């Protein structure tokens, strides 16, 4: 796989599971009482925190699994199953566990929405961590690892830009358009989940 192809794989996979488009209505509802400047500041801080947590888990998580003797192919299969659940919820428009958790925290953490739930678990949660760890595990050179980190940073920077422009984006697409985008992204995510399971089974059979 070329460096550019690897960059694209990392970017597309993480961008889908970070799923900033689906989270737009939630972000807007949580920040509707704030000014435009305050909303931009919340978007920047929440995505920076999410990026830091994502990289920490992805880079050092493999050492933890090695200590616990958990094989990467097992994690790949488990990650595929998890991603398939998330993608099915996106496809059929059901509320995810993250959204239920977000609604609870909205009432309990009014003064700290930047960290919880916007950064965690909305933009960095189990799905993004699982995806990141699986792909990072395939990077067998320092260059590929560096590309992974750079691509991950790009994902969160693009997500940050989308949140900053969220008011305009929501006006353009409207609720119906956002639902259509969510369904399409859910379908793509489901195909990625199937591929993760297939890859894990192949590795296990070896």
C-alpha atoms as a PDB file:
ATOM      1  CA  UNK A   1       0.000   0.000   0.000  1.00  0.00           C
ATOM      2  CA  UNK A   2       1.370   3.421  -0.958  1.00  0.00           C
ATOM      3  CA  UNK A   3       1.774   6.172   1.603  1.00  0.00           C
ATOM      4  CA  UNK A   4      -1.002   8.199  -0.007  1.00  0.00           C
ATOM      5  CA  UNK A   5      -3.363   5.211  -0.011  1.00  0.00           C
ATOM      6  CA  UNK A   6      -2.590   4.550   3.659  1.00  0.00           C
ATOM      7  CA  UNK A   7      -3.249   8.197   4.478  1.00  0.00           C
ATOM      8  CA  UNK A   8      -6.588   7.966   2.687  1.00  0.00           C
ATOM      9  CA  UNK A   9      -7.534   4.744   4.478  1.00  0.00           C
ATOM     10  CA  UNK A  10      -6.804   6.253   7.870  1.00  0.00           C
ATOM     11  CA  UNK A  11      -8.565   9.516   7.092  1.00  0.00           C
ATOM     12  CA  UNK A  12     -11.749   7.996   5.652  1.00  0.00           C
ATOM     13  CA  UNK A  13     -12.048   5.304   8.330  1.00  0.00           C
ATOM     14  CA  UNK A  14     -11.575   7.686  11.252  1.00  0.00           C
ATOM     15  CA  UNK A  15     -13.676  10.444   9.728  1.00  0.00           C
ATOM     16  CA  UNK A  16     -16.595   8.051   9.393  1.00  0.00           C
ATOM     17  CA  UNK A  17     -16.425   6.800  12.970  1.00  0.00           C
ATOM     18  CA  UNK A  18     -15.748  10.226  14.493  1.00  0.00           C
ATOM     19  CA  UNK A  19     -18.944  11.073  12.572  1.00  0.00           C
ATOM     20  CA  UNK A  20     -18.956  14.828  13.061  1.00  0.00           C
ATOM     21  CA  UNK A  21     -21.807  15.207  10.526  1.00  0.00           C
ATOM     22  CA  UNK A  22     -24.190  13.106  12.589  1.00  0.00           C
ATOM     23  CA  UNK A  23     -23.104  14.944  15.731  1.00  0.00           C
ATOM     24  CA  UNK A  24     -23.833  18.374  14.240  1.00  0.00           C
ATOM     25  CA  UNK A  25     -27.446  18.603  15.482  1.00  0.00           C
ATOM     26  CA  UNK A  26     -26.312  17.582  18.972  1.00  0.00           C
ATOM     27  CA  UNK A  27     -23.550  20.172  18.961  1.00  0.00           C
ATOM     28  CA  UNK A  28     -25.948  22.872  17.804  1.00  0.00           C
ATOM     29  CA  UNK A  29     -28.505  21.993  20.470  1.00  0.00           C
ATOM     30  CA  UNK A  30     -25.870  22.035  23.213  1.00  0.00           C
ATOM     31  CA  UNK A  31     -24.426  25.374  22.139  1.00  0.00           C
ATOM     32  CA  UNK A  32     -27.507  27.208  20.917  1.00  0.00           C
ATOM     33  CA  UNK A  33     -27.472  29.586  23.895  1.00  0.00           C
ATOM     34  CA  UNK A  34     -23.883  30.660  23.224  1.00  0.00           C
ATOM     35  CA  UNK A  35     -22.624  33.343  20.857  1.00  0.00           C
ATOM     36  CA  UNK A  36     -20.860  32.494  17.598  1.00  0.00           C
ATOM     37  CA  UNK A  37     -17.461  33.266  19.135  1.00  0.00           C
ATOM     38  CA  UNK A  38     -18.194  31.074  22.165  1.00  0.00           C
ATOM     39  CA  UNK A  39     -19.447  28.249  19.931  1.00  0.00           C
ATOM     40  CA  UNK A  40     -16.232  28.347  17.909  1.00  0.00           C
ATOM     41  CA  UNK A  41     -14.160  28.228  21.093  1.00  0.00           C
ATOM     42  CA  UNK A  42     -16.129  25.215  22.355  1.00  0.00           C
ATOM     43  CA  UNK A  43     -15.667  23.443  19.000  1.00  0.00           C
ATOM     44  CA  UNK A  44     -11.899  24.030  18.986  1.00  0.00           C
ATOM     45  CA  UNK A  45     -11.326  22.940  22.562  1.00  0.00           C
ATOM     46  CA  UNK A  46     -13.569  19.874  22.405  1.00  0.00           C
ATOM     47  CA  UNK A  47     -11.893  18.569  19.225  1.00  0.00           C
ATOM     48  CA  UNK A  48      -8.391  19.193  20.586  1.00  0.00           C
ATOM     49  CA  UNK A  49      -9.234  17.235  23.722  1.00  0.00           C
ATOM     50  CA  UNK A  50     -10.802  14.474  21.628  1.00  0.00           C
ATOM     51  CA  UNK A  51      -7.674  14.303  19.441  1.00  0.00           C
ATOM     52  CA  UNK A  52      -5.401  13.981  22.453  1.00  0.00           C
ATOM     53  CA  UNK A  53      -7.450  11.177  23.979  1.00  0.00           C
ATOM     54  CA  UNK A  54      -7.664   9.366  20.634  1.00  0.00           C
ATOM     55  CA  UNK A  55      -3.902   9.385  20.069  1.00  0.00           C
ATOM     56  CA  UNK A  56      -3.114   8.336  23.645  1.00  0.00           C
ATOM     57  CA  UNK A  57      -5.396   5.307  23.432  1.00  0.00           C
ATOM     58  CA  UNK A  58      -4.282   4.332  19.945  1.00  0.00           C
ATOM     59  CA  UNK A  59      -0.524   4.625  20.558  1.00  0.00           C
ATOM     60  CA  UNK A  60      -0.345   3.068  24.025  1.00  0.00           C
ATOM     61  CA  UNK A  61      -3.390   0.801  23.847  1.00  0.00           C
ATOM     62  CA  UNK A  62      -1.468  -1.871  21.961  1.00  0.00           C
ATOM     63  CA  UNK A  63       0.997  -2.201  24.836  1.00  0.00           C
ATOM     64  CA  UNK A  64      -1.885  -2.785  27.215  1.00  0.00           C
ATOM     65  CA  UNK A  65      -3.344  -5.472  24.980  1.00  0.00           C
ATOM     66  CA  UNK A  66       0.090  -7.066  24.655  1.00  0.00           C
ATOM     67  CA  UNK A  67       0.383  -7.222  28.425  1.00  0.00           C
ATOM     68  CA  UNK A  68      -3.069  -8.827  28.653  1.00  0.00           C
ATOM     69  CA  UNK A  69      -2.186 -11.205  25.783  1.00  0.00           C
ATOM     70  CA  UNK A  70      -5.090 -10.040  23.627  1.00  0.00           C
ATOM     71  CA  UNK A  71      -4.434 -10.754  19.949  1.00  0.00           C
ATOM     72  CA  UNK A  72      -4.997  -7.990  17.418  1.00  0.00           C
ATOM     73  CA  UNK A  73      -7.163 -10.216  15.214  1.00  0.00           C
ATOM     74  CA  UNK A  74      -9.527 -10.742  18.149  1.00  0.00           C
ATOM     75  CA  UNK A  75      -9.715  -7.002  18.590  1.00  0.00           C
ATOM     76  CA  UNK A  76     -10.283  -6.610  14.845  1.00  0.00           C
ATOM     77  CA  UNK A  77     -13.267  -8.963  14.928  1.00  0.00           C
ATOM     78  CA  UNK A  78     -14.645  -7.302  18.061  1.00  0.00           C
ATOM     79  CA  UNK A  79     -14.121  -3.893  16.477  1.00  0.00           C
ATOM     80  CA  UNK A  80     -15.930  -4.976  13.336  1.00  0.00           C
ATOM     81  CA  UNK A  81     -18.901  -6.148  15.384  1.00  0.00           C
ATOM     82  CA  UNK A  82     -18.944  -2.873  17.313  1.00  0.00           C
ATOM     83  CA  UNK A  83     -18.739  -0.806  14.141  1.00  0.00           C
ATOM     84  CA  UNK A  84     -21.526  -2.850  12.558  1.00  0.00           C
ATOM     85  CA  UNK A  85     -23.801  -2.004  15.491  1.00  0.00           C
ATOM     86  CA  UNK A  86     -23.002   1.705  15.160  1.00  0.00           C
ATOM     87  CA  UNK A  87     -23.504   1.609  11.378  1.00  0.00           C
ATOM     88  CA  UNK A  88     -26.870  -0.162  11.695  1.00  0.00           C
ATOM     89  CA  UNK A  89     -28.033   2.486  14.147  1.00  0.00           C
ATOM     90  CA  UNK A  90     -26.959   5.157  11.658  1.00  0.00           C
ATOM     91  CA  UNK A  91     -28.682   3.397   8.749  1.00  0.00           C
ATOM     92  CA  UNK A  92     -32.023   2.989  10.505  1.00  0.00           C
ATOM     93  CA  UNK A  93     -31.928   6.247  12.448  1.00  0.00           C
ATOM     94  CA  UNK A  94     -32.016   4.727  15.921  1.00  0.00           C
ATOM     95  CA  UNK A  95     -30.470   6.534  18.865  1.00  0.00           C
ATOM     96  CA  UNK A  96     -27.045   5.215  19.743  1.00  0.00           C
ATOM     97  CA  UNK A  97     -25.789   4.533  23.240  1.00  0.00           C
ATOM     98  CA  UNK A  98     -23.546   7.577  22.854  1.00  0.00           C
ATOM     99  CA  UNK A  99     -26.539   9.792  22.207  1.00  0.00           C
ATOM    100  CA  UNK A 100     -28.391   8.423  25.227  1.00  0.00           C
ATOM    101  CA  UNK A 101     -25.303   9.080  27.325  1.00  0.00           C
ATOM    102  CA  UNK A 102     -25.073  12.573  25.835  1.00  0.00           C
ATOM    103  CA  UNK A 103     -28.667  13.399  26.820  1.00  0.00           C
ATOM    104  CA  UNK A 104     -27.979  12.372  30.392  1.00  0.00           C
ATOM    105  CA  UNK A 105     -24.781  14.397  30.598  1.00  0.00           C
ATOM    106  CA  UNK A 106     -26.476  17.414  29.073  1.00  0.00           C
ATOM    107  CA  UNK A 107     -28.518  17.797  32.247  1.00  0.00           C
ATOM    108  CA  UNK A 108     -25.788  16.804  34.705  1.00  0.00           C
ATOM    109  CA  UNK A 109     -22.787  18.550  33.120  1.00  0.00           C
ATOM    110  CA  UNK A 110     -24.182  21.880  31.953  1.00  0.00           C
ATOM    111  CA  UNK A 111     -21.000  23.696  32.917  1.00  0.00           C
ATOM    112  CA  UNK A 112     -18.612  21.224  31.304  1.00  0.00           C
ATOM    113  CA  UNK A 113     -20.080  20.294  27.922  1.00  0.00           C
ATOM    114  CA  UNK A 114     -16.826  20.949  26.141  1.00  0.00           C
ATOM    115  CA  UNK A 115     -15.165  17.913  27.726  1.00  0.00           C
ATOM    116  CA  UNK A 116     -18.209  15.743  28.372  1.00  0.00           C
ATOM    117  CA  UNK A 117     -20.016  14.914  26.194  1.00  0.00           C
ATOM    118  CA  UNK A 118     -18.603  16.807  23.188  1.00  0.00           C
ATOM    119  CA  UNK A 119     -14.984  15.609  23.347  1.00  0.00           C
ATOM    120  CA  UNK A 120     -15.726  12.324  25.111  1.00  0.00           C
ATOM    121  CA  UNK A 121     -17.584  10.226  24.113  1.00  0.00           C
ATOM    122  CA  UNK A 122     -19.151  12.133  21.215  1.00  0.00           C
ATOM    123  CA  UNK A 123     -16.042  12.695  19.100  1.00  0.00           C
ATOM    124  CA  UNK A 124     -13.690  10.175  20.648  1.00  0.00           C
ATOM    125  CA  UNK A 125     -15.434   7.026  21.778  1.00  0.00           C
ATOM    126  CA  UNK A 126     -15.088   3.246  21.612  1.00  0.00           C
ATOM    127  CA  UNK A 127     -15.666   3.092  17.856  1.00  0.00           C
ATOM    128  CA  UNK A 128     -12.965   5.636  16.964  1.00  0.00           C
ATOM    129  CA  UNK A 129     -10.477   4.113  19.411  1.00  0.00           C
ATOM    130  CA  UNK A 130     -11.091   0.578  18.133  1.00  0.00           C
ATOM    131  CA  UNK A 131     -10.742   1.706  14.514  1.00  0.00           C
ATOM    132  CA  UNK A 132      -7.587   3.669  15.249  1.00  0.00           C
ATOM    133  CA  UNK A 133      -5.913   0.829  17.127  1.00  0.00           C
ATOM    134  CA  UNK A 134      -6.650  -1.675  14.370  1.00  0.00           C
ATOM    135  CA  UNK A 135      -5.259   0.521  11.592  1.00  0.00           C
ATOM    136  CA  UNK A 136      -2.307   1.717  13.675  1.00  0.00           C
ATOM    137  CA  UNK A 137      -1.432  -1.916  14.332  1.00  0.00           C
ATOM    138  CA  UNK A 138      -0.974  -2.413  10.594  1.00  0.00           C
ATOM    139  CA  UNK A 139       1.633   0.368  10.423  1.00  0.00           C
ATOM    140  CA  UNK A 140       4.896  -1.574  10.564  1.00  0.00           C
ATOM    141  CA  UNK A 141       7.276   1.304   9.840  1.00  0.00           C
ATOM    142  CA  UNK A 142       7.989   4.651  11.484  1.00  0.00           C
ATOM    143  CA  UNK A 143       6.880   6.456   8.334  1.00  0.00           C
ATOM    144  CA  UNK A 144       3.482   4.746   8.330  1.00  0.00           C
ATOM    145  CA  UNK A 145       3.032   5.471  12.028  1.00  0.00           C
ATOM    146  CA  UNK A 146       3.847   9.121  11.361  1.00  0.00           C
ATOM    147  CA  UNK A 147       1.368   9.176   8.477  1.00  0.00           C
ATOM    148  CA  UNK A 148      -1.259   7.699  10.769  1.00  0.00           C
ATOM    149  CA  UNK A 149      -0.732  10.432  13.361  1.00  0.00           C
ATOM    150  CA  UNK A 150      -0.771  13.147  10.685  1.00  0.00           C
ATOM    151  CA  UNK A 151      -3.942  11.719   9.110  1.00  0.00           C
ATOM    152  CA  UNK A 152      -5.624  11.521  12.510  1.00  0.00           C
ATOM    153  CA  UNK A 153      -4.772  15.164  13.171  1.00  0.00           C
ATOM    154  CA  UNK A 154      -6.262  16.066   9.777  1.00  0.00           C
ATOM    155  CA  UNK A 155      -9.493  14.225  10.633  1.00  0.00           C
ATOM    156  CA  UNK A 156      -9.976  16.222  13.816  1.00  0.00           C
ATOM    157  CA  UNK A 157      -8.988  19.503  12.162  1.00  0.00           C
ATOM    158  CA  UNK A 158     -11.584  18.954   9.413  1.00  0.00           C
ATOM    159  CA  UNK A 159     -14.135  17.980  12.065  1.00  0.00           C
ATOM    160  CA  UNK A 160     -13.291  21.151  13.956  1.00  0.00           C
ATOM    161  CA  UNK A 161     -13.814  23.242  10.813  1.00  0.00           C
ATOM    162  CA  UNK A 162     -17.193  21.593  10.226  1.00  0.00           C
ATOM    163  CA  UNK A 163     -18.291  22.375  13.778  1.00  0.00           C
ATOM    164  CA  UNK A 164     -17.088  25.962  13.476  1.00  0.00           C
ATOM    165  CA  UNK A 165     -19.194  26.326  10.315  1.00  0.00           C
ATOM    166  CA  UNK A 166     -22.000  24.207  11.744  1.00  0.00           C
ATOM    167  CA  UNK A 167     -24.645  26.923  11.690  1.00  0.00           C
ATOM    168  CA  UNK A 168     -24.176  27.542   7.964  1.00  0.00           C
ATOM    169  CA  UNK A 169     -23.928  23.830   7.141  1.00  0.00           C
ATOM    170  CA  UNK A 170     -27.152  23.013   8.976  1.00  0.00           C
ATOM    171  CA  UNK A 171     -28.983  25.797   7.136  1.00  0.00           C
ATOM    172  CA  UNK A 172     -27.779  24.446   3.782  1.00  0.00           C
ATOM    173  CA  UNK A 173     -28.588  20.770   4.261  1.00  0.00           C
ATOM    174  CA  UNK A 174     -31.542  21.138   6.645  1.00  0.00           C
ATOM    175  CA  UNK A 175     -32.670  18.173   8.832  1.00  0.00           C
ATOM    176  CA  UNK A 176     -33.707  16.014   5.856  1.00  0.00           C
ATOM    177  CA  UNK A 177     -30.340  16.422   4.153  1.00  0.00           C
ATOM    178  CA  UNK A 178     -28.503  15.585   7.367  1.00  0.00           C
ATOM    179  CA  UNK A 179     -30.519  12.380   7.719  1.00  0.00           C
ATOM    180  CA  UNK A 180     -29.672  11.356   4.136  1.00  0.00           C
ATOM    181  CA  UNK A 181     -25.955  11.956   4.756  1.00  0.00           C
ATOM    182  CA  UNK A 182     -26.134   9.933   7.964  1.00  0.00           C
ATOM    183  CA  UNK A 183     -27.677   6.949   6.143  1.00  0.00           C
ATOM    184  CA  UNK A 184     -25.018   7.010   3.405  1.00  0.00           C
ATOM    185  CA  UNK A 185     -22.206   7.209   5.941  1.00  0.00           C
ATOM    186  CA  UNK A 186     -23.794   4.348   7.864  1.00  0.00           C
ATOM    187  CA  UNK A 187     -23.728   2.149   4.770  1.00  0.00           C
ATOM    188  CA  UNK A 188     -20.055   2.915   4.127  1.00  0.00           C
ATOM    189  CA  UNK A 189     -19.215   2.268   7.765  1.00  0.00           C
ATOM    190  CA  UNK A 190     -20.997  -1.097   7.611  1.00  0.00           C
ATOM    191  CA  UNK A 191     -18.805  -2.215   4.698  1.00  0.00           C
ATOM    192  CA  UNK A 192     -15.719  -1.226   6.690  1.00  0.00           C
ATOM    193  CA  UNK A 193     -17.005  -3.214   9.667  1.00  0.00           C
ATOM    194  CA  UNK A 194     -17.464  -6.325   7.502  1.00  0.00           C
ATOM    195  CA  UNK A 195     -13.932  -5.929   6.166  1.00  0.00           C
ATOM    196  CA  UNK A 196     -12.546  -5.710   9.707  1.00  0.00           C
ATOM    197  CA  UNK A 197     -14.247  -9.000  10.604  1.00  0.00           C
ATOM    198  CA  UNK A 198     -12.992 -10.683   7.429  1.00  0.00           C
ATOM    199  CA  UNK A 199      -9.429  -9.491   8.081  1.00  0.00           C
ATOM    200  CA  UNK A 200      -9.589 -10.711  11.678  1.00  0.00           C
ATOM    201  CA  UNK A 201     -10.808 -14.160  10.653  1.00  0.00           C
ATOM    202  CA  UNK A 202      -8.063 -14.443   8.029  1.00  0.00           C
ATOM    203  CA  UNK A 203      -5.405 -13.594  10.606  1.00  0.00           C
ATOM    204  CA  UNK A 204      -6.884 -16.044  13.122  1.00  0.00           C
ATOM    205  CA  UNK A 205      -6.866 -18.873  10.574  1.00  0.00           C
ATOM    206  CA  UNK A 206      -3.174 -18.248   9.876  1.00  0.00           C
END
